[in-house]
Protein backbone atom coordinates (compact mmCIF):
# COMPACT_ATOMS: atom_id res chain seq x y z
CA MET A 1 101.47 213.59 49.04
CA ARG A 2 100.00 216.34 51.18
CA ASN A 3 101.19 219.91 51.06
CA PRO A 4 104.32 220.02 53.26
CA ASP A 5 103.19 223.43 54.55
CA ASN A 6 100.18 221.78 56.22
CA PRO A 7 100.52 219.83 59.49
CA LEU A 8 100.15 216.07 59.40
CA PRO A 9 96.73 214.87 60.53
CA ARG A 10 96.54 212.65 63.60
CA SER A 11 94.80 209.87 61.67
CA GLY A 12 93.92 208.96 58.11
CA GLY A 13 96.30 208.47 55.23
CA TRP A 14 97.14 209.11 51.65
CA ALA A 15 98.55 207.41 48.63
CA CYS A 16 100.51 208.44 45.59
CA GLU A 17 101.92 206.47 42.68
CA ASP A 18 105.09 205.70 44.64
CA TRP A 19 103.78 204.73 48.09
CA ASP A 20 100.92 204.35 50.56
CA LEU A 21 100.96 205.98 53.99
CA VAL A 22 98.41 205.24 56.72
CA LEU A 23 98.40 207.38 59.85
CA GLY A 24 97.13 206.07 63.16
CA ASP A 25 97.46 207.37 66.69
CA GLY A 26 100.46 205.70 68.32
CA PRO A 27 104.26 205.68 68.64
CA VAL A 28 105.03 202.71 66.35
CA ILE A 29 106.01 203.24 62.70
CA ALA A 30 106.25 200.22 60.39
CA THR A 31 107.83 200.61 56.96
CA ALA A 32 108.28 198.32 53.97
CA ILE A 33 110.40 200.51 51.72
CA HIS A 34 111.46 197.70 49.35
CA ASP A 35 108.05 196.03 48.98
CA GLY A 36 107.14 197.80 45.74
CA HIS A 37 107.37 196.34 42.23
CA ALA A 38 105.93 199.10 40.03
CA VAL A 39 108.08 201.02 37.56
CA ARG A 40 106.70 204.22 36.05
CA GLU A 41 105.67 203.98 32.42
CA SER A 42 108.26 206.44 31.12
CA LEU A 43 111.07 204.41 32.71
CA GLN A 44 110.01 200.94 31.55
CA PRO A 45 111.58 201.10 28.05
CA TRP A 46 115.02 201.47 29.63
CA LEU A 47 114.89 198.31 31.77
CA ALA A 48 117.54 195.69 30.94
CA ILE A 49 116.18 192.91 33.23
CA ASP A 50 112.88 191.08 33.19
CA GLU A 51 110.16 191.17 35.85
CA ASP A 52 111.16 187.90 37.49
CA GLU A 53 114.78 189.01 37.99
CA ARG A 54 113.62 192.31 39.37
CA ARG A 55 111.13 190.77 41.78
CA ARG A 56 113.77 188.42 43.20
CA GLU A 57 115.76 191.42 44.41
CA GLU A 58 112.75 193.24 45.84
CA ASP A 59 111.04 192.43 49.15
CA PRO A 60 107.62 191.18 48.04
CA LEU A 61 104.82 190.86 50.60
CA THR A 62 106.73 192.64 53.37
CA GLY A 63 104.11 195.37 53.16
CA LEU A 64 101.61 192.93 54.70
CA LEU A 65 103.64 193.02 57.91
CA THR A 66 103.34 196.79 58.33
CA VAL A 67 99.94 196.17 59.92
CA VAL A 68 101.87 195.98 63.23
CA GLY A 69 102.46 199.74 63.11
CA ASP A 70 100.27 202.62 64.21
CA VAL A 71 101.74 204.48 61.25
CA ARG A 72 102.31 202.34 58.14
CA PHE A 73 104.40 203.10 55.06
CA GLN A 74 104.45 200.75 52.08
CA ALA A 75 106.39 201.48 48.89
CA ARG A 76 104.60 200.89 45.59
CA ALA A 77 107.58 201.67 43.37
CA SER A 78 110.43 199.22 42.86
CA ARG A 79 113.69 199.76 44.69
CA PHE A 80 115.31 199.93 41.24
CA GLN A 81 113.26 203.01 40.39
CA ALA A 82 114.49 204.69 43.58
CA ASP A 83 116.19 202.81 46.40
CA LEU A 84 114.97 204.48 49.57
CA ASN A 85 117.48 202.58 51.70
CA ARG A 86 120.53 204.09 50.01
CA PRO A 87 122.02 207.57 50.01
CA ARG A 88 120.89 209.85 47.22
CA GLU A 89 124.00 209.31 45.09
CA LYS A 90 123.35 205.54 45.09
CA ALA A 91 119.55 205.60 44.97
CA PHE A 92 119.45 205.14 41.20
CA SER A 93 122.47 203.26 39.91
CA THR A 94 123.42 202.06 36.44
CA ASP A 95 126.52 200.29 37.78
CA PRO A 96 126.02 196.50 38.12
CA ALA A 97 128.44 196.57 41.06
CA ASP A 98 125.67 198.29 43.01
CA THR A 99 123.00 195.74 42.00
CA TRP A 100 124.49 192.31 42.73
CA GLY A 101 126.05 192.11 39.27
CA LEU A 102 122.73 192.68 37.51
CA ARG A 103 122.57 195.10 34.59
CA VAL A 104 119.29 196.81 35.42
CA TRP A 105 119.26 199.77 33.03
CA ARG A 106 120.21 200.30 29.41
CA ASP A 107 123.27 202.47 28.80
CA ASP A 108 121.28 205.09 26.89
CA LEU A 109 118.91 205.88 29.76
CA PRO A 110 118.07 209.61 29.68
CA ASP A 111 119.34 211.85 32.45
CA ALA A 112 115.81 213.20 32.91
CA GLU A 113 114.59 209.79 34.03
CA ARG A 114 117.38 209.49 36.55
CA GLU A 115 116.48 212.91 37.96
CA ARG A 116 112.81 211.92 38.32
CA SER A 117 113.88 208.96 40.41
CA LEU A 118 116.16 211.06 42.58
CA ALA A 119 113.28 213.48 43.12
CA GLU A 120 111.26 210.54 44.46
CA HIS A 121 114.06 209.80 46.92
CA ASP A 122 114.05 213.46 47.98
CA ARG A 123 110.27 213.40 48.51
CA PHE A 124 110.51 210.30 50.69
CA TYR A 125 113.10 211.81 53.01
CA ALA A 126 111.24 215.12 53.21
CA LEU A 127 108.07 213.19 54.11
CA MET A 128 109.84 211.11 56.74
CA ARG A 129 111.41 214.19 58.31
CA GLU A 130 108.02 215.87 58.60
CA LEU A 131 106.31 212.70 59.80
CA ILE A 132 108.84 211.74 62.47
CA ASP A 133 109.11 215.32 63.73
CA ALA A 134 105.33 215.43 64.17
CA LEU A 135 105.18 212.03 65.86
CA LEU A 136 108.02 212.90 68.24
CA ASP A 137 106.23 216.11 69.17
CA ARG A 138 103.22 214.00 70.09
CA TRP A 139 104.83 210.92 71.66
CA GLY A 140 108.36 211.84 72.75
CA THR A 141 109.92 208.52 71.69
CA LEU A 142 109.17 206.20 68.76
CA LEU A 143 109.69 202.61 67.68
CA LEU A 144 110.51 202.23 63.98
CA ILE A 145 110.12 198.73 62.50
CA ASP A 146 111.93 198.80 59.14
CA ILE A 147 110.85 195.53 57.44
CA HIS A 148 112.85 193.72 54.74
CA SER A 149 113.48 190.26 53.31
CA TYR A 150 116.50 188.57 51.74
CA ASN A 151 117.35 185.82 49.26
CA HIS A 152 118.98 182.58 50.33
CA ARG A 153 118.82 180.62 47.06
CA ARG A 154 120.85 182.81 44.75
CA ASP A 155 122.56 179.87 43.05
CA GLY A 156 119.36 178.77 41.32
CA ALA A 157 116.01 177.07 41.79
CA ASP A 158 117.55 173.59 42.01
CA ALA A 159 120.68 174.51 43.97
CA ASP A 160 121.16 174.11 47.70
CA PRO A 161 120.07 177.09 49.80
CA ALA A 162 122.64 179.20 51.61
CA PRO A 163 123.86 177.53 54.84
CA PRO A 164 121.82 178.41 57.95
CA ARG A 165 124.92 179.41 59.93
CA GLY A 166 125.16 182.76 58.18
CA ASN A 167 121.50 183.07 57.23
CA PRO A 168 119.08 183.29 60.16
CA ASP A 169 115.33 182.99 59.60
CA ILE A 170 114.98 186.51 60.98
CA GLU A 171 117.91 188.87 61.17
CA LEU A 172 117.34 191.87 63.38
CA GLY A 173 119.26 194.87 62.13
CA VAL A 174 120.04 196.96 65.20
CA THR A 175 123.16 198.71 63.99
CA THR A 176 121.97 202.15 65.13
CA LEU A 177 120.23 201.04 68.31
CA ASP A 178 121.74 202.57 71.45
CA PRO A 179 122.17 199.53 73.76
CA ARG A 180 122.19 201.68 76.89
CA ARG A 181 118.82 203.19 76.01
CA TRP A 182 117.13 200.41 74.06
CA GLY A 183 119.09 197.21 74.77
CA ARG A 184 116.33 195.79 76.97
CA VAL A 185 113.79 196.50 74.22
CA ALA A 186 115.89 194.71 71.60
CA THR A 187 116.31 191.65 73.82
CA ARG A 188 112.61 191.39 74.63
CA PHE A 189 111.70 191.93 70.98
CA ALA A 190 114.01 189.11 69.84
CA ASP A 191 112.91 186.75 72.59
CA THR A 192 109.26 187.25 71.64
CA LEU A 193 109.99 186.44 68.00
CA ARG A 194 111.76 183.25 69.08
CA ALA A 195 108.78 182.26 71.21
CA ASN A 196 106.37 182.41 68.26
CA PRO A 197 106.66 179.49 65.78
CA ILE A 198 106.56 180.17 62.06
CA ALA A 199 105.33 177.36 59.83
CA GLY A 200 105.45 175.01 62.79
CA ARG A 201 109.03 175.59 63.93
CA THR A 202 110.96 177.94 66.18
CA PRO A 203 112.65 180.65 64.09
CA ASP A 204 116.38 181.31 64.26
CA VAL A 205 116.56 184.98 65.29
CA ARG A 206 119.92 186.77 65.45
CA GLU A 207 121.28 190.31 65.21
CA ASN A 208 123.47 191.91 62.52
CA VAL A 209 124.61 188.68 60.84
CA ARG A 210 124.17 189.20 57.09
CA PHE A 211 124.01 193.00 57.11
CA PRO A 212 126.41 194.14 59.84
CA THR A 213 126.60 197.70 58.55
CA GLY A 214 122.83 198.21 58.26
CA GLY A 215 121.04 200.39 55.73
CA TYR A 216 121.01 204.09 54.97
CA PHE A 217 117.45 204.77 56.17
CA PRO A 218 118.10 203.66 59.79
CA GLU A 219 121.44 205.49 59.74
CA TRP A 220 119.71 208.68 58.60
CA VAL A 221 117.04 208.33 61.27
CA TYR A 222 119.67 207.93 63.98
CA ALA A 223 121.78 210.81 62.64
CA THR A 224 118.70 213.05 62.66
CA TRP A 225 116.95 212.12 65.93
CA GLY A 226 119.43 209.99 67.89
CA GLU A 227 118.12 207.75 70.65
CA ARG A 228 114.64 209.30 70.51
CA VAL A 229 113.83 206.75 67.79
CA CYS A 230 114.55 203.07 68.38
CA THR A 231 114.96 201.39 64.99
CA ILE A 232 114.76 197.62 64.55
CA SER A 233 115.05 196.22 61.02
CA PRO A 234 113.68 192.66 60.73
CA GLU A 235 115.15 190.91 57.66
CA TYR A 236 113.09 187.80 56.85
CA LYS A 237 114.71 184.97 54.96
CA LYS A 238 112.48 184.24 51.97
CA THR A 239 111.37 180.87 53.32
CA TYR A 240 107.84 182.30 53.26
CA MET A 241 107.90 182.17 49.45
CA ASP A 242 109.71 180.53 46.56
CA GLU A 243 112.27 183.03 45.28
CA TRP A 244 112.18 181.50 41.78
CA THR A 245 108.44 180.99 41.22
CA ALA A 246 107.18 183.79 43.50
CA GLN A 247 104.65 181.40 45.06
CA ALA A 248 103.88 182.42 48.63
CA ASP A 249 103.13 180.41 51.76
CA ILE A 250 100.13 182.31 53.12
CA ALA A 251 100.09 180.44 56.44
CA ALA A 252 103.75 181.30 57.04
CA ILE A 253 103.11 184.97 56.29
CA GLU A 254 100.22 184.98 58.76
CA ASP A 255 102.52 183.47 61.37
CA MET A 256 105.14 186.14 60.62
CA ARG A 257 102.56 188.89 60.98
CA ASP A 258 101.24 187.57 64.29
CA SER A 259 104.76 187.01 65.63
CA LEU A 260 105.84 190.53 64.72
CA ARG A 261 102.70 192.01 66.23
CA ASN A 262 103.39 190.14 69.47
CA ALA A 263 106.98 191.43 69.51
CA VAL A 264 105.81 195.00 69.02
CA ASP A 265 103.18 194.63 71.73
CA ALA A 266 105.81 193.21 74.11
CA VAL A 267 107.85 196.44 73.96
CA ARG A 268 105.16 199.00 73.19
CA GLY A 269 105.02 200.20 76.79
CA GLU A 270 108.57 201.58 76.50
CA PHE A 271 107.43 204.21 73.98
CA GLY A 272 105.17 207.20 73.89
CA THR A 273 105.57 208.13 77.55
CA CYS A 274 105.97 211.85 76.75
CA ARG A 275 102.84 213.36 75.23
């Protein structure tokens, strides 16, 4: 991470052990804050779940979709090391109630390891504050695409998937989007996604179905900058991969990428008018 006392460059990027950040010149930020799978070496002895269990609750391959952004953020570290979409007090939890009933960490985990993870959470939010401030100074308004995925086969590899009625192919989280300012953008964005087939069929695209309260990161962005940042959080059902074997459908992912790029391009003209 660069020295926070230095201004952000207008292009380029940097990486650290926890994330990659690529800076381009434009008003669209794309993030994949749950894409990562890595766990730091000092923390690994305290894990109470195996890699397969952990990966099922992460958002693998969502980082590939951040190519739609001018500015791209992709987490390297697992959400279990530090969940960047939760408030600080929940970012590293040893309570299974916070992790879908999974016991992720051993009971004897040292406090020092917990504090290292919380420091990672602090660094992310300090970075995002600096980054978004700088981009707003340059562009006036921003589009934030906060990319996630979700499981729909939690009952097992051979069990029926969750019913489509409550599980759209793409859920658009727009819980913080001001409909008076950005409602037209959200509608055009959704309509463009529907118009682009994925794996040969028209995707079911709906808003705020599975996650009606949204996530902490979009809430924080709205609380900090209000309507100056339009946040849309696409949640992709994991039909693009097998949740239980981790085998991916490359063609479907390419369709998802192209569809998302088209949706961004369809609304791009609404942003960056103040320079």
